[in-house]
Amino acid sequence: MSTKTALFLFRKLSAGNLIKNTLKMSTVAKSYEHKDPIIEYCSKISLKQNDIEKALQEKTIKEREDFIMLGAPEVLQYGKHLIQLIKGKRCLDIGTFTGASAIAWALAIPEDGQVFTFDVDHKALDDIGRPFIQQNPELEKKITFKLGQAVEKMDELIAQGEIGKWDFAFIDADKENYINYYDRAMKLLRSGGIIVVDNALWKGKIIEDPLTFDEKTKAIDDCNKHIAADSNANSMLLNLGDGTHVAFKK
């Protein structure tokens, strides 16, 4: 191999690695955790959090070591826009944490709307989110907190005849169950309903060698491919927040 050819290949590989690392670092991040200038610019231009959303986010970040579980405000705002666009009234929220996503959907729906939010643990909610919600009765009346495995709770809704009666679903809980959540949400949503799957790019880990995937990364990659192959939905994977996969039920 000539020196010129070797230099060309070295530059090509270096550029590829640089692009790969740049993608992982700068385009896959939640706005509150990263100061990438593009993410920061987009957030300043478009984020319109109300007082309760801002206060809850600040308190969660300040008091919880695992605050990274908090939904990216840009993703929550995008979800609110989608709900309002389809005139949604009934929302499924899979993964409560401190309540940020449930509050977002409650803000987006009308007075007679309904949010069911599922989690296996309400400690973070009780410590941080619930007091905010209780101070806002117009939001509290819209939100029903479901403690327990979301798969089981969704199966209960299906058994109760709730198929096709929901408008919107947000999936942001244990990654290994993503496909299970998606399939049940598809049953529960009406035609024209929307599913938003969070963490769909998983810090850019999904573009690494599949042989190196841990269980969570593999589950997310499998779910992305599952959604893309679903003949009952049109979908788009966006590099919004930590990756946002949006599926529109046909």
C-alpha atoms as a PDB file:
ATOM      1  CA  MET A   1       0.000   0.000   0.000  1.00  0.00           C
ATOM      2  CA  SER A   2       1.369   3.378  -0.960  1.00  0.00           C
ATOM      3  CA  THR A   3       1.871   6.152   1.586  1.00  0.00           C
ATOM      4  CA  LYS A   4      -0.732   8.243  -0.216  1.00  0.00           C
ATOM      5  CA  THR A   5      -3.352   5.452  -0.021  1.00  0.00           C
ATOM      6  CA  ALA A   6      -2.574   4.762   3.630  1.00  0.00           C
ATOM      7  CA  LEU A   7      -2.942   8.452   4.464  1.00  0.00           C
ATOM      8  CA  PHE A   8      -6.279   8.596   2.630  1.00  0.00           C
ATOM      9  CA  LEU A   9      -7.633   5.586   4.537  1.00  0.00           C
ATOM     10  CA  PHE A  10      -6.402   6.974   7.855  1.00  0.00           C
ATOM     11  CA  ARG A  11      -8.148  10.284   7.213  1.00  0.00           C
ATOM     12  CA  LYS A  12     -11.345   8.517   6.152  1.00  0.00           C
ATOM     13  CA  LEU A  13     -11.415   6.341   9.279  1.00  0.00           C
ATOM     14  CA  SER A  14     -10.582   9.297  11.506  1.00  0.00           C
ATOM     15  CA  ALA A  15     -13.348  11.363   9.941  1.00  0.00           C
ATOM     16  CA  GLY A  16     -15.792   8.488  10.389  1.00  0.00           C
ATOM     17  CA  ASN A  17     -14.915   8.111  14.044  1.00  0.00           C
ATOM     18  CA  LEU A  18     -15.125  11.866  14.542  1.00  0.00           C
ATOM     19  CA  ILE A  19     -18.582  11.980  12.968  1.00  0.00           C
ATOM     20  CA  LYS A  20     -19.730   8.994  15.013  1.00  0.00           C
ATOM     21  CA  ASN A  21     -18.473  10.491  18.280  1.00  0.00           C
ATOM     22  CA  THR A  22     -19.875  13.923  17.441  1.00  0.00           C
ATOM     23  CA  LEU A  23     -23.289  12.412  16.724  1.00  0.00           C
ATOM     24  CA  LYS A  24     -23.281  10.602  20.037  1.00  0.00           C
ATOM     25  CA  MET A  25     -22.140  13.632  22.005  1.00  0.00           C
ATOM     26  CA  SER A  26     -23.993  16.542  20.461  1.00  0.00           C
ATOM     27  CA  THR A  27     -27.217  15.391  18.851  1.00  0.00           C
ATOM     28  CA  VAL A  28     -28.429  12.829  21.393  1.00  0.00           C
ATOM     29  CA  ALA A  29     -28.977  14.645  24.661  1.00  0.00           C
ATOM     30  CA  LYS A  30     -31.675  16.182  26.807  1.00  0.00           C
ATOM     31  CA  SER A  31     -31.554  19.962  26.907  1.00  0.00           C
ATOM     32  CA  TYR A  32     -31.123  20.129  30.682  1.00  0.00           C
ATOM     33  CA  GLU A  33     -28.032  17.889  30.656  1.00  0.00           C
ATOM     34  CA  HIS A  34     -26.040  19.218  27.713  1.00  0.00           C
ATOM     35  CA  LYS A  35     -24.793  22.602  26.554  1.00  0.00           C
ATOM     36  CA  ASP A  36     -24.377  21.752  22.899  1.00  0.00           C
ATOM     37  CA  PRO A  37     -24.993  25.075  21.094  1.00  0.00           C
ATOM     38  CA  ILE A  38     -27.516  23.621  18.643  1.00  0.00           C
ATOM     39  CA  ILE A  39     -29.558  21.936  21.374  1.00  0.00           C
ATOM     40  CA  GLU A  40     -29.342  25.081  23.491  1.00  0.00           C
ATOM     41  CA  TYR A  41     -30.431  27.297  20.587  1.00  0.00           C
ATOM     42  CA  CYS A  42     -33.400  25.080  19.703  1.00  0.00           C
ATOM     43  CA  SER A  43     -34.478  24.963  23.342  1.00  0.00           C
ATOM     44  CA  LYS A  44     -34.305  28.726  23.801  1.00  0.00           C
ATOM     45  CA  ILE A  45     -36.313  29.275  20.643  1.00  0.00           C
ATOM     46  CA  SER A  46     -39.049  26.721  21.210  1.00  0.00           C
ATOM     47  CA  LEU A  47     -39.428  25.671  24.880  1.00  0.00           C
ATOM     48  CA  LYS A  48     -42.450  27.158  26.611  1.00  0.00           C
ATOM     49  CA  GLN A  49     -42.718  25.478  30.008  1.00  0.00           C
ATOM     50  CA  ASN A  50     -45.276  26.764  32.460  1.00  0.00           C
ATOM     51  CA  ASP A  51     -44.440  27.475  36.114  1.00  0.00           C
ATOM     52  CA  ILE A  52     -45.301  24.031  37.462  1.00  0.00           C
ATOM     53  CA  GLU A  53     -43.224  22.299  34.783  1.00  0.00           C
ATOM     54  CA  LYS A  54     -40.219  24.518  35.480  1.00  0.00           C
ATOM     55  CA  ALA A  55     -40.483  24.101  39.259  1.00  0.00           C
ATOM     56  CA  LEU A  56     -40.858  20.323  39.037  1.00  0.00           C
ATOM     57  CA  GLN A  57     -37.882  20.008  36.701  1.00  0.00           C
ATOM     58  CA  GLU A  58     -35.686  22.173  38.939  1.00  0.00           C
ATOM     59  CA  LYS A  59     -36.634  20.268  42.086  1.00  0.00           C
ATOM     60  CA  THR A  60     -36.126  16.881  40.434  1.00  0.00           C
ATOM     61  CA  ILE A  61     -32.664  17.831  39.165  1.00  0.00           C
ATOM     62  CA  LYS A  62     -31.701  19.307  42.540  1.00  0.00           C
ATOM     63  CA  GLU A  63     -32.936  16.483  44.765  1.00  0.00           C
ATOM     64  CA  ARG A  64     -32.709  13.273  42.751  1.00  0.00           C
ATOM     65  CA  GLU A  65     -29.414  11.618  41.835  1.00  0.00           C
ATOM     66  CA  ASP A  66     -31.295   9.775  39.106  1.00  0.00           C
ATOM     67  CA  PHE A  67     -32.754  12.991  37.683  1.00  0.00           C
ATOM     68  CA  ILE A  68     -31.692  11.866  34.211  1.00  0.00           C
ATOM     69  CA  MET A  69     -34.872   9.752  34.213  1.00  0.00           C
ATOM     70  CA  LEU A  70     -36.791  13.014  33.921  1.00  0.00           C
ATOM     71  CA  GLY A  71     -38.286  13.432  30.470  1.00  0.00           C
ATOM     72  CA  ALA A  72     -36.597  16.031  28.279  1.00  0.00           C
ATOM     73  CA  PRO A  73     -38.763  19.184  28.286  1.00  0.00           C
ATOM     74  CA  GLU A  74     -38.483  19.443  24.508  1.00  0.00           C
ATOM     75  CA  VAL A  75     -39.866  15.908  24.131  1.00  0.00           C
ATOM     76  CA  LEU A  76     -42.710  16.634  26.551  1.00  0.00           C
ATOM     77  CA  GLN A  77     -43.554  19.817  24.696  1.00  0.00           C
ATOM     78  CA  TYR A  78     -43.525  17.974  21.376  1.00  0.00           C
ATOM     79  CA  GLY A  79     -45.892  15.420  22.881  1.00  0.00           C
ATOM     80  CA  LYS A  80     -48.228  18.175  24.055  1.00  0.00           C
ATOM     81  CA  HIS A  81     -48.307  19.605  20.550  1.00  0.00           C
ATOM     82  CA  LEU A  82     -49.189  16.207  19.105  1.00  0.00           C
ATOM     83  CA  ILE A  83     -52.003  15.731  21.623  1.00  0.00           C
ATOM     84  CA  GLN A  84     -53.468  19.115  20.783  1.00  0.00           C
ATOM     85  CA  LEU A  85     -53.049  18.498  17.059  1.00  0.00           C
ATOM     86  CA  ILE A  86     -55.193  15.355  17.177  1.00  0.00           C
ATOM     87  CA  LYS A  87     -57.541  16.862  19.798  1.00  0.00           C
ATOM     88  CA  GLY A  88     -56.593  14.103  22.204  1.00  0.00           C
ATOM     89  CA  LYS A  89     -58.444  13.647  25.497  1.00  0.00           C
ATOM     90  CA  ARG A  90     -57.245  10.289  26.873  1.00  0.00           C
ATOM     91  CA  CYS A  91     -53.548   9.622  27.427  1.00  0.00           C
ATOM     92  CA  LEU A  92     -51.495   6.659  28.626  1.00  0.00           C
ATOM     93  CA  ASP A  93     -48.259   7.564  30.422  1.00  0.00           C
ATOM     94  CA  ILE A  94     -45.923   4.605  30.944  1.00  0.00           C
ATOM     95  CA  GLY A  95     -43.289   5.622  33.479  1.00  0.00           C
ATOM     96  CA  THR A  96     -44.357   8.214  36.076  1.00  0.00           C
ATOM     97  CA  PHE A  97     -41.131   9.034  37.979  1.00  0.00           C
ATOM     98  CA  THR A  98     -41.721  12.514  39.513  1.00  0.00           C
ATOM     99  CA  GLY A  99     -44.771  13.174  37.352  1.00  0.00           C
ATOM    100  CA  ALA A 100     -43.401  15.521  34.693  1.00  0.00           C
ATOM    101  CA  SER A 101     -44.822  13.649  31.716  1.00  0.00           C
ATOM    102  CA  ALA A 102     -48.222  13.102  33.356  1.00  0.00           C
ATOM    103  CA  ILE A 103     -48.416  16.824  34.104  1.00  0.00           C
ATOM    104  CA  ALA A 104     -47.472  17.664  30.518  1.00  0.00           C
ATOM    105  CA  TRP A 105     -50.276  15.552  29.084  1.00  0.00           C
ATOM    106  CA  ALA A 106     -52.762  16.888  31.654  1.00  0.00           C
ATOM    107  CA  LEU A 107     -51.886  20.413  30.547  1.00  0.00           C
ATOM    108  CA  ALA A 108     -52.482  19.514  26.906  1.00  0.00           C
ATOM    109  CA  ILE A 109     -55.906  17.869  27.248  1.00  0.00           C
ATOM    110  CA  PRO A 110     -59.253  19.591  27.898  1.00  0.00           C
ATOM    111  CA  GLU A 111     -60.964  19.809  31.285  1.00  0.00           C
ATOM    112  CA  ASP A 112     -62.759  16.495  30.814  1.00  0.00           C
ATOM    113  CA  GLY A 113     -59.591  14.725  29.656  1.00  0.00           C
ATOM    114  CA  GLN A 114     -57.895  11.821  31.391  1.00  0.00           C
ATOM    115  CA  VAL A 115     -54.304  10.675  31.964  1.00  0.00           C
ATOM    116  CA  PHE A 116     -53.497   7.198  33.295  1.00  0.00           C
ATOM    117  CA  THR A 117     -49.865   7.037  34.458  1.00  0.00           C
ATOM    118  CA  PHE A 118     -48.151   3.781  35.422  1.00  0.00           C
ATOM    119  CA  ASP A 119     -45.141   2.995  37.598  1.00  0.00           C
ATOM    120  CA  VAL A 120     -43.932   0.266  39.952  1.00  0.00           C
ATOM    121  CA  ASP A 121     -42.713   2.802  42.537  1.00  0.00           C
ATOM    122  CA  HIS A 122     -44.265   6.087  43.679  1.00  0.00           C
ATOM    123  CA  LYS A 123     -41.496   7.283  46.000  1.00  0.00           C
ATOM    124  CA  ALA A 124     -40.135   9.866  43.536  1.00  0.00           C
ATOM    125  CA  LEU A 125     -43.681  11.001  42.812  1.00  0.00           C
ATOM    126  CA  ASP A 126     -44.600  11.293  46.498  1.00  0.00           C
ATOM    127  CA  ASP A 127     -41.375  13.101  47.415  1.00  0.00           C
ATOM    128  CA  ILE A 128     -41.369  15.611  44.572  1.00  0.00           C
ATOM    129  CA  GLY A 129     -44.210  15.549  42.093  1.00  0.00           C
ATOM    130  CA  ARG A 130     -47.364  14.879  44.047  1.00  0.00           C
ATOM    131  CA  PRO A 131     -47.203  18.093  46.139  1.00  0.00           C
ATOM    132  CA  PHE A 132     -47.044  20.147  42.936  1.00  0.00           C
ATOM    133  CA  ILE A 133     -49.983  18.261  41.494  1.00  0.00           C
ATOM    134  CA  GLN A 134     -52.064  18.579  44.662  1.00  0.00           C
ATOM    135  CA  GLN A 135     -51.542  22.347  44.584  1.00  0.00           C
ATOM    136  CA  ASN A 136     -53.142  22.374  41.129  1.00  0.00           C
ATOM    137  CA  PRO A 137     -56.557  20.687  41.439  1.00  0.00           C
ATOM    138  CA  GLU A 138     -57.389  21.402  37.794  1.00  0.00           C
ATOM    139  CA  LEU A 139     -54.504  19.078  36.872  1.00  0.00           C
ATOM    140  CA  GLU A 140     -54.963  16.610  39.708  1.00  0.00           C
ATOM    141  CA  LYS A 141     -58.489  15.724  38.645  1.00  0.00           C
ATOM    142  CA  LYS A 142     -57.237  14.673  35.216  1.00  0.00           C
ATOM    143  CA  ILE A 143     -54.498  12.302  36.425  1.00  0.00           C
ATOM    144  CA  THR A 144     -54.973   8.755  37.703  1.00  0.00           C
ATOM    145  CA  PHE A 145     -51.880   7.151  39.224  1.00  0.00           C
ATOM    146  CA  LYS A 146     -51.577   3.404  38.682  1.00  0.00           C
ATOM    147  CA  LEU A 147     -49.106   1.587  40.946  1.00  0.00           C
ATOM    148  CA  GLY A 148     -47.868  -1.721  39.564  1.00  0.00           C
ATOM    149  CA  GLN A 149     -46.503  -3.349  36.433  1.00  0.00           C
ATOM    150  CA  ALA A 150     -47.644  -1.344  33.406  1.00  0.00           C
ATOM    151  CA  VAL A 151     -47.950  -4.471  31.249  1.00  0.00           C
ATOM    152  CA  GLU A 152     -50.455  -5.929  33.709  1.00  0.00           C
ATOM    153  CA  LYS A 153     -52.351  -2.649  34.079  1.00  0.00           C
ATOM    154  CA  MET A 154     -52.596  -2.255  30.303  1.00  0.00           C
ATOM    155  CA  ASP A 155     -53.805  -5.840  29.987  1.00  0.00           C
ATOM    156  CA  GLU A 156     -56.516  -4.992  32.507  1.00  0.00           C
ATOM    157  CA  LEU A 157     -57.617  -2.050  30.357  1.00  0.00           C
ATOM    158  CA  ILE A 158     -57.748  -4.297  27.299  1.00  0.00           C
ATOM    159  CA  ALA A 159     -59.836  -6.854  29.219  1.00  0.00           C
ATOM    160  CA  GLN A 160     -62.171  -4.066  30.342  1.00  0.00           C
ATOM    161  CA  GLY A 161     -63.031  -3.200  26.737  1.00  0.00           C
ATOM    162  CA  GLU A 162     -60.773  -0.156  26.380  1.00  0.00           C
ATOM    163  CA  ILE A 163     -59.405  -1.181  22.978  1.00  0.00           C
ATOM    164  CA  GLY A 164     -59.455   1.740  20.554  1.00  0.00           C
ATOM    165  CA  LYS A 165     -60.559   4.276  23.184  1.00  0.00           C
ATOM    166  CA  TRP A 166     -57.312   6.140  23.864  1.00  0.00           C
ATOM    167  CA  ASP A 167     -55.677   8.913  21.887  1.00  0.00           C
ATOM    168  CA  PHE A 168     -52.040   9.088  22.948  1.00  0.00           C
ATOM    169  CA  ALA A 169     -49.378   6.992  24.692  1.00  0.00           C
ATOM    170  CA  PHE A 170     -45.943   7.912  26.010  1.00  0.00           C
ATOM    171  CA  ILE A 171     -43.492   5.076  26.676  1.00  0.00           C
ATOM    172  CA  ASP A 172     -40.630   5.838  29.052  1.00  0.00           C
ATOM    173  CA  ALA A 173     -40.224   2.973  31.522  1.00  0.00           C
ATOM    174  CA  ASP A 174     -38.089  -0.192  31.699  1.00  0.00           C
ATOM    175  CA  LYS A 175     -36.541  -0.603  28.295  1.00  0.00           C
ATOM    176  CA  GLU A 176     -36.750  -4.403  28.192  1.00  0.00           C
ATOM    177  CA  ASN A 177     -40.548  -4.099  28.018  1.00  0.00           C
ATOM    178  CA  TYR A 178     -40.659  -1.444  25.305  1.00  0.00           C
ATOM    179  CA  ILE A 179     -42.115  -3.783  22.666  1.00  0.00           C
ATOM    180  CA  ASN A 180     -44.689  -5.096  25.154  1.00  0.00           C
ATOM    181  CA  TYR A 181     -45.758  -1.546  25.980  1.00  0.00           C
ATOM    182  CA  TYR A 182     -45.885  -0.574  22.319  1.00  0.00           C
ATOM    183  CA  ASP A 183     -48.020  -3.556  21.279  1.00  0.00           C
ATOM    184  CA  ARG A 184     -50.527  -2.943  24.075  1.00  0.00           C
ATOM    185  CA  ALA A 185     -50.651   0.770  23.379  1.00  0.00           C
ATOM    186  CA  MET A 186     -51.392   0.041  19.725  1.00  0.00           C
ATOM    187  CA  LYS A 187     -54.395  -2.015  20.816  1.00  0.00           C
ATOM    188  CA  LEU A 188     -55.656   0.647  23.195  1.00  0.00           C
ATOM    189  CA  LEU A 189     -55.261   3.577  20.794  1.00  0.00           C
ATOM    190  CA  ARG A 190     -57.860   4.615  18.267  1.00  0.00           C
ATOM    191  CA  SER A 191     -57.074   5.020  14.605  1.00  0.00           C
ATOM    192  CA  GLY A 192     -55.196   8.303  14.307  1.00  0.00           C
ATOM    193  CA  GLY A 193     -53.750   7.951  17.799  1.00  0.00           C
ATOM    194  CA  ILE A 194     -50.074   8.570  18.489  1.00  0.00           C
ATOM    195  CA  ILE A 195     -47.393   6.708  20.445  1.00  0.00           C
ATOM    196  CA  VAL A 196     -44.222   8.514  21.523  1.00  0.00           C
ATOM    197  CA  VAL A 197     -41.324   6.301  22.596  1.00  0.00           C
ATOM    198  CA  ASP A 198     -38.605   8.056  24.595  1.00  0.00           C
ATOM    199  CA  ASN A 199     -34.851   7.259  24.752  1.00  0.00           C
ATOM    200  CA  ALA A 200     -35.037   5.734  21.291  1.00  0.00           C
ATOM    201  CA  LEU A 201     -31.396   6.611  20.513  1.00  0.00           C
ATOM    202  CA  TRP A 202     -30.107   5.801  24.017  1.00  0.00           C
ATOM    203  CA  LYS A 203     -27.140   8.202  24.144  1.00  0.00           C
ATOM    204  CA  GLY A 204     -26.150   7.062  20.674  1.00  0.00           C
ATOM    205  CA  LYS A 205     -25.455   3.523  21.878  1.00  0.00           C
ATOM    206  CA  ILE A 206     -27.773   2.066  19.236  1.00  0.00           C
ATOM    207  CA  ILE A 207     -25.274   2.923  16.466  1.00  0.00           C
ATOM    208  CA  GLU A 208     -22.517   0.872  18.088  1.00  0.00           C
ATOM    209  CA  ASP A 209     -21.664  -2.726  17.217  1.00  0.00           C
ATOM    210  CA  PRO A 210     -24.769  -4.851  18.005  1.00  0.00           C
ATOM    211  CA  LEU A 211     -22.468  -7.531  19.386  1.00  0.00           C
ATOM    212  CA  THR A 212     -21.611  -5.138  22.219  1.00  0.00           C
ATOM    213  CA  PHE A 213     -25.216  -4.227  23.109  1.00  0.00           C
ATOM    214  CA  ASP A 214     -26.325  -4.662  26.692  1.00  0.00           C
ATOM    215  CA  GLU A 215     -29.914  -5.740  27.384  1.00  0.00           C
ATOM    216  CA  LYS A 216     -31.350  -2.226  27.429  1.00  0.00           C
ATOM    217  CA  THR A 217     -29.646  -1.138  24.217  1.00  0.00           C
ATOM    218  CA  LYS A 218     -30.738  -4.304  22.440  1.00  0.00           C
ATOM    219  CA  ALA A 219     -34.321  -3.846  23.670  1.00  0.00           C
ATOM    220  CA  ILE A 220     -34.434  -0.282  22.364  1.00  0.00           C
ATOM    221  CA  ASP A 221     -32.932  -1.265  19.013  1.00  0.00           C
ATOM    222  CA  ASP A 222     -35.388  -4.153  18.740  1.00  0.00           C
ATOM    223  CA  CYS A 223     -38.288  -1.816  19.529  1.00  0.00           C
ATOM    224  CA  ASN A 224     -37.195   0.735  16.921  1.00  0.00           C
ATOM    225  CA  LYS A 225     -37.101  -2.008  14.297  1.00  0.00           C
ATOM    226  CA  HIS A 226     -40.410  -3.416  15.534  1.00  0.00           C
ATOM    227  CA  ILE A 227     -42.103  -0.033  15.126  1.00  0.00           C
ATOM    228  CA  ALA A 228     -40.567   0.514  11.688  1.00  0.00           C
ATOM    229  CA  ALA A 229     -41.878  -2.866  10.535  1.00  0.00           C
ATOM    230  CA  ASP A 230     -45.386  -2.348  11.947  1.00  0.00           C
ATOM    231  CA  SER A 231     -47.848  -2.294   9.040  1.00  0.00           C
ATOM    232  CA  ASN A 232     -50.475  -0.718  11.312  1.00  0.00           C
ATOM    233  CA  ALA A 233     -48.487   2.462  11.846  1.00  0.00           C
ATOM    234  CA  ASN A 234     -46.546   5.193  10.106  1.00  0.00           C
ATOM    235  CA  SER A 235     -43.509   6.227  12.100  1.00  0.00           C
ATOM    236  CA  MET A 236     -40.576   8.609  12.334  1.00  0.00           C
ATOM    237  CA  LEU A 237     -37.461   8.323  14.510  1.00  0.00           C
ATOM    238  CA  LEU A 238     -36.279  11.777  15.563  1.00  0.00           C
ATOM    239  CA  ASN A 239     -33.039  12.915  17.216  1.00  0.00           C
ATOM    240  CA  LEU A 240     -35.043  14.953  19.711  1.00  0.00           C
ATOM    241  CA  GLY A 241     -33.877  14.711  23.311  1.00  0.00           C
ATOM    242  CA  ASP A 242     -32.416  11.235  23.821  1.00  0.00           C
ATOM    243  CA  GLY A 243     -34.213  10.044  20.702  1.00  0.00           C
ATOM    244  CA  THR A 244     -37.957  10.148  20.100  1.00  0.00           C
ATOM    245  CA  HIS A 245     -39.723   7.482  18.036  1.00  0.00           C
ATOM    246  CA  VAL A 246     -43.199   8.586  16.988  1.00  0.00           C
ATOM    247  CA  ALA A 247     -45.760   6.126  15.654  1.00  0.00           C
ATOM    248  CA  PHE A 248     -49.076   7.198  14.118  1.00  0.00           C
ATOM    249  CA  LYS A 249     -51.679   4.444  14.223  1.00  0.00           C
ATOM    250  CA  LYS A 250     -53.406   3.954  10.871  1.00  0.00           C
END
